Structure formats: C-alpha cells, structure tokens
Amino acid sequence: MKSNIKCLPILALLFLSAFPGLASARSFENLSGSPGLRSASAIVMDESGKVIYGKDAGTVRPIASITKLMTAIVILDSGLDLDEKIEVTRDDRDLIKLTGSRLQYGARLSRREMLKLAVMASENRAAAALGRTYPGGTSAMVQQMNIRAVEIGMTNTRFADPVGLNAENVSTAKDLATLVAKARTYPLIVEASTTTRLTVHPWKDRGPLVYGNTNRLLKNQTWDIRVSKTGYINEAGRCLVMQAIIDGVILNIVFLDSFGKLTPFGDSNRLRRWLLGSNP
C-alpha cells in the first residue's frame, strides 16, 4: 500500500502535464495583487463561466463597434447567401458621427466579404450594408440582435444599430464575455477577427483595397488569440474583447472605456503578466 501512495504524486504530475490547462486554472486561483488595469470595466472569464478577474464588470456602458460581433452572428444565423453581392449606397453612410469610409457608393462585395471587413477592420459601411440588406431591413436586423442577446444570456445588453455608432448600443463587461464565447463558435467570425490583412476588389475598373485588423495584438507572437473585436466612439472610449489562450487556459477577456488609443492593448499585456505571475 505504501508503494502505491508514493506513486500518487507522480501520477498527478503526469496527469497535469497531459492537461496543462487544469494546472494553470488552479494557479489562477492564487493570484496576488492587482493587474493595474486602466480600463473602466474589465473581466476575465474561463470557459466554465468562472470569473477570474472583474472590475466594474456589471456596469452598463456604450460598446461602440463591439456591436459588430452580434451583427455577424445574426447574419450567419439567418442563412443568407454569403456569396451574394451587396452594393454600398447612400443609405449606408454615417449620419451619426459623420465618419468616412473607403467603401464609396457603388462598391460591390459579397456578403461574406462585407462581414469580414465589418469584423476585422470595423468597416462601418460594410456593417450598415449588412443591416440594410437583412430581410425586413435594418430595423428587423436590430430587433433580431436584441432577441439573440436575450437567447444567449446577455441580460443587460441593448442594440440600437448594427454598426455601433449609436451610443445606445450598450452592454456590460460580463455580458460581452458571453458574446465573445458565442462568437468563437462561428468559424467565419473566428477567421475574420484573426485575419491580419485582407484584400478586396469592390470595383471592376479600379485597383483593390487592402484592409488591416484593428487588433494589433494579433501581430504579437506571445499572444494566442482565437477571436477578437475592437471598438471606439467618444461615449464608449476604447474597447477590446477577445478570447485568448494564456498558460493553456481559454479565457474570454473584455476591456471597456479605456482612455487612450493604446490603453486596451496595454491592459491586455498587463493582465497577461499578472496572470502569469510576472508583474514587475
């Protein structure tokens, strides 16, 4: 019997080495100090829904272009033809913030490409065109976005447009962690949100347009990101949501209302160092 008891620690080590996420999850339970995040709201949640870190995670805030993740989900749930060509019209222009777009009137891309541009590059006219061409139009699209939010448990979320320019698109960090987890189950959203560069051809008689991803962490080899989305309007501040693997553990991470263009990315690195126990 004694010899069997002596073998137990060795067997435990072998088991944990085979499943590193289990060992890491336990280490996350013994975190000390604070990550020193500068975002007003933040949350880190594992796959089981356990909150590893939270900061004002239940406060309802504007979410800007994080909205586009739900836009993509509703489009994919609809079963609409992703290869159908959609033309950008004057109805897709931004009358709220008066932002511009590289997709000029008359630009034609497939619904698939519009979705990719909306998610990876936060292209506002692409998202607006997706909403306008949804069965029943933009209002029907927004209605379905709100229905879908309730279905997946986002109880403190409200959508007002499919783009995110309206400050009445609101949610909490906790709800958005749920949205990130749901978005991860859609392969096209995963592909779009982690693609660093995309070339499209909106016109037959002009050259292509090249878009880059708005999440600069995707170019950092120390990060293993599975899905992500950035957002910004004045009312929302800088926002970032993503699912990433840190120390073998899948984590849903949300930062809302950061001041400064680079703050969400700085918070991401501060959080990662804290989780790994390497804060200065």
Foldseek 3Di string as FASTA:
>chain_A
DVVVVVCVVVVVVVVCVVQVQVVLVVLLVPFDDDLPAQFQWKWKAFPVRDTSDTHQQADKFQAFLLLLLLLLVLLVVVPPDQQDKFFQAPQLQDPQPRDDAPRDGGFIGGLLVLSLCCFFVVGRSSQQRSQQPDVVHFVVSQVVSVVVLVVQPQPAFHDDTSRRSDRNGIGGNSSVLSSQVVSLVDVSQQVSQLDAKDWDDRDPPDDIDMGGGLDPCSVPPVWAWRHKGWGDDPRWATWIWTWTAASSTTMTMIGIRHHDSCSVVVSVVSVNCSSVVNHD
